Amino acid sequence: MDDFLKDQIINSIKYIPSNIIKSYFKKDNGESAAIRKKLGFIRGVCHPTENFKQLTDANVNWVRTDMPYPFDENGEQRKEYIEFKEKCKRFRDNSINVMAITNLPAQYIKYGADVRTPEGEAKLREVSRFIIEDVQGLVSGLQISNEMGMPRFTVPLSMKEAVKFIGVQLQEMYPLRKDIIIGYNSAGPQVDLHYGLKPYHKYCDYVGLDMYLGCFFSLPGFMWIFDVMARYLWAFTDKPILMQEFGYISAGKPKTKAEKKAILQSYGFNSEKEARQDIARFVDNLPEHFSDHVKYVCEHNEELYKDFMFSGDMTNHLYLELPAVTVIPGYPHTPEGQAKFFKKVLPMFHKLEFICGAIVFAYTDCERCAYCGQAECPTETRWGLVDVNGNPKPSYYAVQEAYARIKKSEKR
């Protein structure tokens, strides 16, 4: 079990149960109702195509997408940022709201906005003010960075530094936001992140919760966990909860011992024990994209490679599998199982009055895994409501129907 998962389990035991109990006696402070009254229940998807008709036919009214860092080394607006704004305008012109995700710390640091130094913090504050003013009329929501605490997103910051990185941006943007809603997200409970951000919650319009039950960490999932985790986070932060990322993989199965051994042998090793004994060579032998990712996240610390590869989620990438236990009972990792998942979970979210919206991950399948680069890896390639060619999967129609019911209920 990797250190990140250990920390989350320990903190969860310390803080989550009391807040879940508290949630059943707590009354909403009115902020959740206000967002729902102003925006309706957010019906979103992550990382969409620009097939606007297909999106609106699915009753989607929000999309969530990444925002590039605005400036180059000379202080000029980058081409990627200008193109991002043009894309936002196309969505807006088709009556679809944009939830934009600001960059990860490493990108800010690359351009000198490093929260760890006084000069870098001043620049971070300046860039934050620029962004919130520059995207007025183009985006309807901002998510500050993404899943701080997850190593691959947080490096090179510590958790304490990541808290400040988020908090500084919220603090600068909040007074200038006008009709844009702003907040941040977490990968599951992450009590340490939310506890650190307590002083900054007054600058949040929402707090985002990302959950992928039955899909990661070689652990099972159960639908009721969505309810209790959302309750915990609402009671802990006293803010409307936005299901910022959630979804279910539509393909993937366990590998046999023989299949796993064959994969290890393709990299020059007969067992995990052998690989641990010569871990640097093992990582070097991985596909280039995979190898680069491991080295980046572990910051080239060879001792960290061992647990990262064989005691956490990267094991599933290595073996191109979803272990037998990695599932929600009754919801197989098939196109039909994925559709069944959305039919169940979306009405559940809408029923909880402190949840202000749901953004499905993801709109489209991916040709290759973003982390290991392998086309055969189910962990990051089969989340879509449509396939790589844009053809609707059963889950597209499940979301379409669920969002239609939500939309209809709000017109009464």
Protein backbone atom coordinates (compact mmCIF):
# COMPACT_ATOMS: atom_id res chain seq x y z
CA MET A 1 0.00 0.00 0.00
CA ASP A 2 1.49 3.36 -1.00
CA ASP A 3 2.04 6.24 1.46
CA PHE A 4 -0.67 8.40 -0.08
CA LEU A 5 -3.32 5.75 0.49
CA LYS A 6 -2.04 5.08 4.03
CA ASP A 7 -2.31 8.77 4.93
CA GLN A 8 -5.83 8.97 3.57
CA ILE A 9 -6.94 5.93 5.57
CA ILE A 10 -5.45 7.29 8.82
CA ASN A 11 -6.95 10.75 8.37
CA SER A 12 -10.27 9.28 7.30
CA ILE A 13 -10.52 7.28 10.52
CA LYS A 14 -9.73 10.40 12.57
CA TYR A 15 -12.13 12.89 10.98
CA ILE A 16 -14.71 11.38 8.65
CA PRO A 17 -17.11 9.46 10.96
CA SER A 18 -17.91 12.48 13.18
CA ASN A 19 -18.68 14.66 10.16
CA ILE A 20 -20.88 12.02 8.57
CA ILE A 21 -22.94 11.87 11.78
CA LYS A 22 -22.98 15.67 11.91
CA SER A 23 -24.34 15.84 8.36
CA TYR A 24 -27.61 14.13 9.34
CA PHE A 25 -28.36 16.88 11.86
CA LYS A 26 -26.88 19.80 9.94
CA LYS A 27 -28.98 22.31 8.02
CA ASP A 28 -27.68 23.80 4.80
CA ASN A 29 -26.52 27.40 5.16
CA GLY A 30 -28.37 28.36 1.97
CA GLU A 31 -25.35 28.41 -0.35
CA SER A 32 -26.21 25.12 -2.06
CA ALA A 33 -29.79 26.23 -2.69
CA ALA A 34 -28.53 29.55 -4.02
CA ILE A 35 -26.26 27.89 -6.58
CA ARG A 36 -29.03 25.55 -7.68
CA LYS A 37 -31.43 28.49 -8.01
CA LYS A 38 -28.93 30.53 -9.99
CA LEU A 39 -27.41 27.83 -12.22
CA GLY A 40 -29.70 24.86 -11.90
CA PHE A 41 -28.12 21.51 -11.11
CA ILE A 42 -24.81 21.46 -13.02
CA ARG A 43 -25.06 18.72 -15.67
CA GLY A 44 -21.54 18.34 -16.96
CA VAL A 45 -18.91 16.24 -18.66
CA CYS A 46 -15.12 16.39 -18.51
CA HIS A 47 -12.83 16.88 -21.51
CA PRO A 48 -15.47 17.13 -24.24
CA THR A 49 -15.27 17.15 -27.99
CA GLU A 50 -16.79 20.10 -29.84
CA ASN A 51 -19.69 18.09 -31.19
CA PHE A 52 -22.08 20.64 -29.71
CA LYS A 53 -25.23 18.96 -30.99
CA GLN A 54 -24.24 15.64 -29.45
CA LEU A 55 -23.48 17.37 -26.15
CA THR A 56 -26.73 19.31 -25.99
CA ASP A 57 -28.70 16.27 -27.14
CA ALA A 58 -27.30 14.56 -24.02
CA ASN A 59 -28.72 17.44 -21.95
CA VAL A 60 -25.20 18.55 -20.98
CA ASN A 61 -24.99 22.22 -20.00
CA TRP A 62 -21.47 22.35 -18.56
CA VAL A 63 -18.08 21.10 -19.75
CA ARG A 64 -14.87 20.89 -17.73
CA THR A 65 -11.55 21.49 -19.45
CA ASP A 66 -7.95 22.48 -18.77
CA MET A 67 -6.70 26.07 -18.93
CA PRO A 68 -3.10 26.58 -20.12
CA TYR A 69 -0.77 28.90 -18.24
CA PRO A 70 -1.40 32.37 -19.72
CA PHE A 71 2.07 33.85 -20.30
CA ASP A 72 5.37 32.91 -21.90
CA GLU A 73 8.83 33.85 -20.64
CA ASN A 74 8.48 37.33 -22.13
CA GLY A 75 5.14 38.05 -20.48
CA GLU A 76 3.18 37.65 -23.74
CA GLN A 77 0.02 35.61 -23.87
CA ARG A 78 0.80 32.08 -25.04
CA LYS A 79 -0.77 30.73 -28.21
CA GLU A 80 -2.28 27.85 -26.21
CA TYR A 81 -3.99 30.26 -23.83
CA ILE A 82 -5.43 32.35 -26.67
CA GLU A 83 -6.74 29.18 -28.34
CA PHE A 84 -8.26 28.12 -25.01
CA LYS A 85 -10.23 31.38 -24.81
CA GLU A 86 -11.43 30.94 -28.37
CA LYS A 87 -12.62 27.43 -27.50
CA CYS A 88 -14.49 28.75 -24.46
CA LYS A 89 -16.26 31.26 -26.69
CA ARG A 90 -17.40 28.47 -29.01
CA PHE A 91 -18.92 26.59 -26.09
CA ARG A 92 -20.54 29.76 -24.76
CA ASP A 93 -21.98 30.51 -28.22
CA ASN A 94 -23.59 27.06 -28.10
CA SER A 95 -25.14 27.69 -24.66
CA ILE A 96 -22.69 25.46 -22.80
CA ASN A 97 -20.94 26.71 -19.67
CA VAL A 98 -17.23 26.09 -19.12
CA MET A 99 -15.60 24.95 -15.86
CA ALA A 100 -11.91 25.74 -16.41
CA ILE A 101 -9.10 24.04 -14.48
CA THR A 102 -6.08 26.19 -13.70
CA ASN A 103 -2.60 24.72 -14.08
CA LEU A 104 -0.68 22.40 -11.81
CA PRO A 105 2.12 23.81 -9.61
CA ALA A 106 4.94 22.59 -11.88
CA GLN A 107 3.67 24.72 -14.75
CA TYR A 108 3.41 27.84 -12.59
CA ILE A 109 6.90 27.21 -11.23
CA LYS A 110 8.24 26.83 -14.78
CA TYR A 111 7.20 30.44 -15.46
CA GLY A 112 8.36 31.85 -12.13
CA ALA A 113 5.11 31.83 -10.14
CA ASP A 114 6.53 29.69 -7.33
CA VAL A 115 4.52 29.94 -4.10
CA ARG A 116 7.59 28.83 -2.13
CA THR A 117 9.37 32.18 -2.58
CA PRO A 118 8.15 35.74 -1.82
CA GLU A 119 8.76 36.83 -5.40
CA GLY A 120 7.06 33.73 -6.79
CA GLU A 121 4.06 34.14 -4.51
CA ALA A 122 3.66 37.76 -5.63
CA LYS A 123 3.68 36.61 -9.25
CA LEU A 124 1.18 33.85 -8.48
CA ARG A 125 -1.15 36.42 -6.96
CA GLU A 126 -0.72 38.71 -9.96
CA VAL A 127 -1.44 35.91 -12.45
CA SER A 128 -4.50 34.85 -10.43
CA ARG A 129 -5.96 38.34 -10.64
CA PHE A 130 -5.24 38.46 -14.37
CA ILE A 131 -6.96 35.12 -15.02
CA ILE A 132 -10.19 35.87 -13.15
CA GLU A 133 -10.57 39.20 -14.94
CA ASP A 134 -9.48 37.95 -18.36
CA VAL A 135 -11.94 35.02 -18.54
CA GLN A 136 -15.01 37.02 -17.59
CA GLY A 137 -17.78 36.19 -20.06
CA LEU A 138 -15.91 33.09 -21.27
CA VAL A 139 -16.03 30.69 -18.34
CA SER A 140 -18.70 30.16 -15.71
CA GLY A 141 -16.59 28.28 -13.19
CA LEU A 142 -12.98 27.86 -12.13
CA GLN A 143 -11.37 24.89 -10.40
CA ILE A 144 -8.06 25.85 -8.82
CA SER A 145 -5.49 23.27 -9.92
CA ASN A 146 -6.36 19.58 -9.66
CA GLU A 147 -6.32 16.98 -6.87
CA MET A 148 -3.51 18.39 -4.78
CA GLY A 149 -2.10 15.59 -2.66
CA MET A 150 -1.99 13.14 -5.56
CA PRO A 151 1.77 12.86 -6.19
CA ARG A 152 1.68 13.14 -9.99
CA PHE A 153 -0.22 16.43 -9.77
CA THR A 154 1.41 17.96 -6.70
CA VAL A 155 5.14 17.57 -7.42
CA PRO A 156 7.36 19.33 -6.53
CA LEU A 157 5.27 20.84 -3.71
CA SER A 158 4.59 19.36 -0.29
CA MET A 159 0.99 19.17 0.91
CA LYS A 160 1.49 22.28 3.05
CA GLU A 161 2.84 24.17 0.05
CA ALA A 162 0.03 22.86 -2.15
CA VAL A 163 -2.54 24.19 0.33
CA LYS A 164 -0.96 27.63 0.10
CA PHE A 165 -0.79 27.33 -3.70
CA ILE A 166 -4.57 26.82 -3.85
CA GLY A 167 -5.39 29.27 -1.07
CA VAL A 168 -3.46 32.18 -2.57
CA GLN A 169 -5.33 31.81 -5.87
CA LEU A 170 -8.73 31.59 -4.18
CA GLN A 171 -7.94 34.63 -2.05
CA GLU A 172 -7.01 36.78 -5.05
CA MET A 173 -9.82 35.62 -7.34
CA TYR A 174 -12.76 35.64 -4.97
CA PRO A 175 -13.36 39.43 -4.78
CA LEU A 176 -13.07 39.72 -8.58
CA ARG A 177 -15.08 36.69 -9.63
CA LYS A 178 -18.46 38.37 -10.34
CA ASP A 179 -20.70 35.56 -11.72
CA ILE A 180 -17.95 32.95 -11.95
CA ILE A 181 -18.10 30.25 -9.29
CA ILE A 182 -14.72 29.20 -7.91
CA GLY A 183 -13.45 26.34 -5.77
CA TYR A 184 -11.03 23.42 -5.68
CA ASN A 185 -11.26 19.63 -5.76
CA SER A 186 -9.90 16.60 -3.94
CA ALA A 187 -9.25 12.99 -4.86
CA GLY A 188 -11.57 11.29 -2.41
CA PRO A 189 -11.69 12.42 1.24
CA GLN A 190 -8.17 13.95 1.57
CA VAL A 191 -8.80 15.29 5.06
CA ASP A 192 -5.31 16.79 5.23
CA LEU A 193 -6.01 18.97 2.17
CA HIS A 194 -9.41 20.15 3.38
CA TYR A 195 -8.18 20.75 6.92
CA GLY A 196 -5.32 22.88 5.60
CA LEU A 197 -7.69 24.88 3.43
CA LYS A 198 -10.14 25.64 6.26
CA PRO A 199 -9.03 29.32 6.44
CA TYR A 200 -9.66 29.66 2.70
CA HIS A 201 -13.12 28.09 2.52
CA LYS A 202 -14.64 31.56 2.86
CA TYR A 203 -13.21 32.22 -0.61
CA CYS A 204 -14.93 29.17 -2.15
CA ASP A 205 -18.32 28.98 -3.83
CA TYR A 206 -18.09 25.18 -3.88
CA VAL A 207 -15.76 22.33 -2.97
CA GLY A 208 -15.26 19.58 -5.54
CA LEU A 209 -15.19 15.86 -4.80
CA ASP A 210 -13.58 13.37 -7.17
CA MET A 211 -14.49 9.71 -6.63
CA TYR A 212 -13.91 6.63 -8.75
CA LEU A 213 -15.31 3.77 -6.75
CA GLY A 214 -14.44 0.29 -7.99
CA CYS A 215 -11.88 1.58 -10.46
CA PHE A 216 -8.60 2.33 -8.64
CA PHE A 217 -6.25 1.11 -5.89
CA SER A 218 -7.26 -2.55 -6.32
CA LEU A 219 -10.18 -1.93 -3.97
CA PRO A 220 -13.91 -2.62 -4.29
CA GLY A 221 -16.48 0.14 -4.28
CA PHE A 222 -20.05 0.48 -3.08
CA MET A 223 -22.62 3.05 -4.15
CA TRP A 224 -23.38 4.15 -0.59
CA ILE A 225 -19.80 5.43 -0.25
CA PHE A 226 -20.68 8.31 -2.59
CA ASP A 227 -23.39 9.41 -0.16
CA VAL A 228 -21.27 9.25 2.98
CA MET A 229 -18.21 10.91 1.44
CA ALA A 230 -20.29 13.78 0.08
CA ARG A 231 -21.93 14.16 3.50
CA TYR A 232 -18.56 14.20 5.24
CA LEU A 233 -17.17 16.86 2.91
CA TRP A 234 -20.26 19.06 3.16
CA ALA A 235 -20.22 18.93 6.96
CA PHE A 236 -16.45 19.46 7.11
CA THR A 237 -16.27 22.44 4.71
CA ASP A 238 -19.78 23.91 5.09
CA LYS A 239 -19.75 24.48 1.32
CA PRO A 240 -21.87 23.21 -1.57
CA ILE A 241 -20.39 20.01 -2.94
CA LEU A 242 -19.78 19.62 -6.65
CA MET A 243 -19.13 16.10 -7.91
CA GLN A 244 -16.22 17.42 -9.93
CA GLU A 245 -15.09 14.07 -11.31
CA PHE A 246 -16.70 10.65 -11.17
CA GLY A 247 -17.20 7.83 -13.61
CA TYR A 248 -16.87 4.15 -14.28
CA ILE A 249 -14.57 2.21 -16.59
CA SER A 250 -16.37 0.36 -19.38
CA ALA A 251 -13.72 -2.31 -20.05
CA GLY A 252 -11.00 -4.21 -18.21
CA LYS A 253 -10.48 -7.54 -16.49
CA PRO A 254 -7.96 -9.38 -14.31
CA LYS A 255 -4.81 -10.94 -15.74
CA THR A 256 -3.69 -14.49 -14.96
CA LYS A 257 -0.39 -15.19 -13.21
CA ALA A 258 0.99 -16.48 -16.52
CA GLU A 259 -0.05 -13.28 -18.32
CA LYS A 260 1.53 -11.13 -15.64
CA LYS A 261 4.76 -13.12 -15.78
CA ALA A 262 4.87 -12.72 -19.55
CA ILE A 263 4.59 -8.94 -19.15
CA LEU A 264 7.44 -8.89 -16.62
CA GLN A 265 9.53 -11.07 -18.92
CA SER A 266 8.98 -8.64 -21.77
CA TYR A 267 10.88 -6.13 -19.63
CA GLY A 268 13.66 -8.62 -18.81
CA PHE A 269 12.51 -9.95 -15.42
CA ASN A 270 10.84 -13.13 -14.18
CA SER A 271 9.19 -11.78 -11.03
CA GLU A 272 8.38 -8.64 -9.09
CA LYS A 273 11.10 -9.63 -6.61
CA GLU A 274 13.70 -9.61 -9.38
CA ALA A 275 12.41 -6.26 -10.62
CA ARG A 276 12.66 -4.72 -7.14
CA GLN A 277 16.28 -5.87 -6.89
CA ASP A 278 17.20 -3.98 -10.07
CA ILE A 279 14.45 -1.38 -10.08
CA ALA A 280 16.34 1.29 -12.03
CA ARG A 281 16.85 -1.05 -14.99
CA PHE A 282 13.26 -2.25 -14.74
CA VAL A 283 11.92 1.31 -14.96
CA ASP A 284 14.30 2.08 -17.83
CA ASN A 285 12.91 -0.93 -19.71
CA LEU A 286 9.29 0.24 -19.49
CA PRO A 287 7.72 1.95 -22.50
CA GLU A 288 9.20 5.46 -22.77
CA HIS A 289 6.04 7.33 -21.72
CA PHE A 290 5.53 5.00 -18.75
CA SER A 291 9.18 5.22 -17.68
CA ASP A 292 9.19 9.01 -17.90
CA HIS A 293 6.03 9.21 -15.78
CA VAL A 294 7.49 7.01 -13.02
CA LYS A 295 10.70 9.05 -12.93
CA TYR A 296 8.82 12.35 -12.86
CA VAL A 297 6.43 11.43 -10.06
CA CYS A 298 9.17 9.81 -7.97
CA GLU A 299 11.52 12.70 -8.77
CA HIS A 300 14.19 10.21 -9.94
CA ASN A 301 14.40 8.61 -6.47
CA GLU A 302 15.03 4.94 -7.25
CA GLU A 303 13.96 3.78 -3.79
CA LEU A 304 10.53 5.28 -4.40
CA TYR A 305 10.19 3.38 -7.67
CA LYS A 306 9.65 0.07 -5.86
CA ASP A 307 6.50 0.90 -3.94
CA PHE A 308 5.23 3.18 -6.69
CA MET A 309 5.37 0.32 -9.19
CA PHE A 310 4.36 -2.62 -7.01
CA SER A 311 2.35 -1.33 -4.03
CA GLY A 312 -0.12 1.08 -5.61
CA ASP A 313 -2.23 1.90 -8.61
CA MET A 314 0.68 1.73 -11.08
CA THR A 315 0.56 -2.06 -10.77
CA ASN A 316 -2.69 -2.03 -12.74
CA HIS A 317 -1.01 0.04 -15.46
CA LEU A 318 1.92 -2.38 -15.52
CA TYR A 319 -0.27 -5.45 -15.95
CA LEU A 320 -2.90 -3.72 -18.12
CA GLU A 321 -5.63 -5.04 -15.88
CA LEU A 322 -8.45 -4.30 -13.52
CA PRO A 323 -8.12 -6.80 -10.64
CA ALA A 324 -11.16 -8.89 -9.78
CA VAL A 325 -11.75 -6.91 -6.58
CA THR A 326 -11.66 -3.57 -8.42
CA VAL A 327 -15.37 -3.29 -9.15
CA ILE A 328 -18.69 -2.17 -7.69
CA PRO A 329 -20.66 -5.39 -7.12
CA GLY A 330 -23.40 -5.64 -9.71
CA TYR A 331 -21.73 -3.16 -12.04
CA PRO A 332 -19.27 -5.05 -14.26
CA HIS A 333 -16.65 -3.16 -16.24
CA THR A 334 -18.55 -3.45 -19.50
CA PRO A 335 -20.39 -0.85 -21.60
CA GLU A 336 -23.65 -2.08 -20.08
CA GLY A 337 -22.25 -2.02 -16.54
CA GLN A 338 -21.05 1.53 -17.07
CA ALA A 339 -24.52 2.61 -18.26
CA LYS A 340 -26.14 0.94 -15.26
CA PHE A 341 -23.77 2.87 -12.99
CA PHE A 342 -24.88 6.25 -14.34
CA LYS A 343 -28.56 5.33 -14.17
CA LYS A 344 -28.10 4.72 -10.46
CA VAL A 345 -25.65 7.40 -9.37
CA LEU A 346 -26.93 10.56 -11.08
CA PRO A 347 -30.39 10.53 -9.42
CA MET A 348 -28.58 9.85 -6.13
CA PHE A 349 -26.51 13.02 -6.48
CA HIS A 350 -29.47 15.16 -7.51
CA LYS A 351 -31.47 14.00 -4.51
CA LEU A 352 -28.83 15.31 -2.05
CA GLU A 353 -29.67 18.99 -1.73
CA PHE A 354 -26.14 20.03 -0.73
CA ILE A 355 -24.73 18.70 -4.03
CA CYS A 356 -24.87 21.47 -6.62
CA GLY A 357 -23.93 19.45 -9.67
CA ALA A 358 -22.19 16.50 -11.30
CA ILE A 359 -19.50 16.42 -13.98
CA VAL A 360 -19.00 13.03 -15.61
CA PHE A 361 -15.50 11.78 -16.36
CA ALA A 362 -15.20 11.59 -19.25
CA TYR A 363 -16.99 12.46 -22.43
CA THR A 364 -14.80 10.44 -24.79
CA ASP A 365 -12.61 7.36 -24.64
CA CYS A 366 -8.86 7.86 -25.07
CA GLU A 367 -6.62 6.07 -27.54
CA ARG A 368 -3.78 5.79 -25.01
CA CYS A 369 -3.41 5.97 -21.24
CA ALA A 370 -2.25 9.38 -20.09
CA TYR A 371 0.08 7.89 -17.47
CA CYS A 372 1.60 4.76 -18.99
CA GLY A 373 0.97 5.57 -22.65
CA GLN A 374 -0.35 2.10 -23.48
CA ALA A 375 -3.42 1.66 -25.68
CA GLU A 376 -4.31 -1.60 -23.92
CA CYS A 377 -4.42 -0.04 -20.44
CA PRO A 378 -8.05 0.05 -19.22
CA THR A 379 -7.31 2.39 -16.29
CA GLU A 380 -7.30 5.57 -18.37
CA THR A 381 -8.73 4.70 -21.79
CA ARG A 382 -12.34 3.51 -21.40
CA TRP A 383 -14.11 6.15 -19.32
CA GLY A 384 -16.01 7.77 -22.19
CA LEU A 385 -19.68 8.19 -22.93
CA VAL A 386 -18.62 8.02 -26.57
CA ASP A 387 -15.82 5.99 -28.14
CA VAL A 388 -12.69 7.42 -29.78
CA ASN A 389 -14.62 7.93 -33.02
CA GLY A 390 -17.41 9.82 -31.27
CA ASN A 391 -19.94 7.00 -31.43
CA PRO A 392 -22.29 6.93 -28.40
CA LYS A 393 -21.90 4.05 -25.96
CA PRO A 394 -24.78 2.78 -23.78
CA SER A 395 -23.57 5.17 -21.05
CA TYR A 396 -24.24 8.16 -23.33
CA TYR A 397 -27.93 7.30 -23.42
CA ALA A 398 -28.00 6.58 -19.68
CA VAL A 399 -26.58 10.04 -18.93
CA GLN A 400 -28.85 11.62 -21.51
CA GLU A 401 -31.91 10.17 -19.80
CA ALA A 402 -30.75 10.97 -16.26
CA TYR A 403 -29.89 14.57 -17.14
CA ALA A 404 -33.24 14.93 -18.94
CA ARG A 405 -35.10 13.90 -15.78
CA ILE A 406 -33.08 16.36 -13.69
CA LYS A 407 -33.69 19.14 -16.20
CA LYS A 408 -37.42 18.41 -16.30
CA SER A 409 -37.70 18.36 -12.50
CA GLU A 410 -36.23 21.87 -12.29
CA LYS A 411 -38.85 23.30 -14.63
CA ARG A 412 -41.74 22.37 -12.35
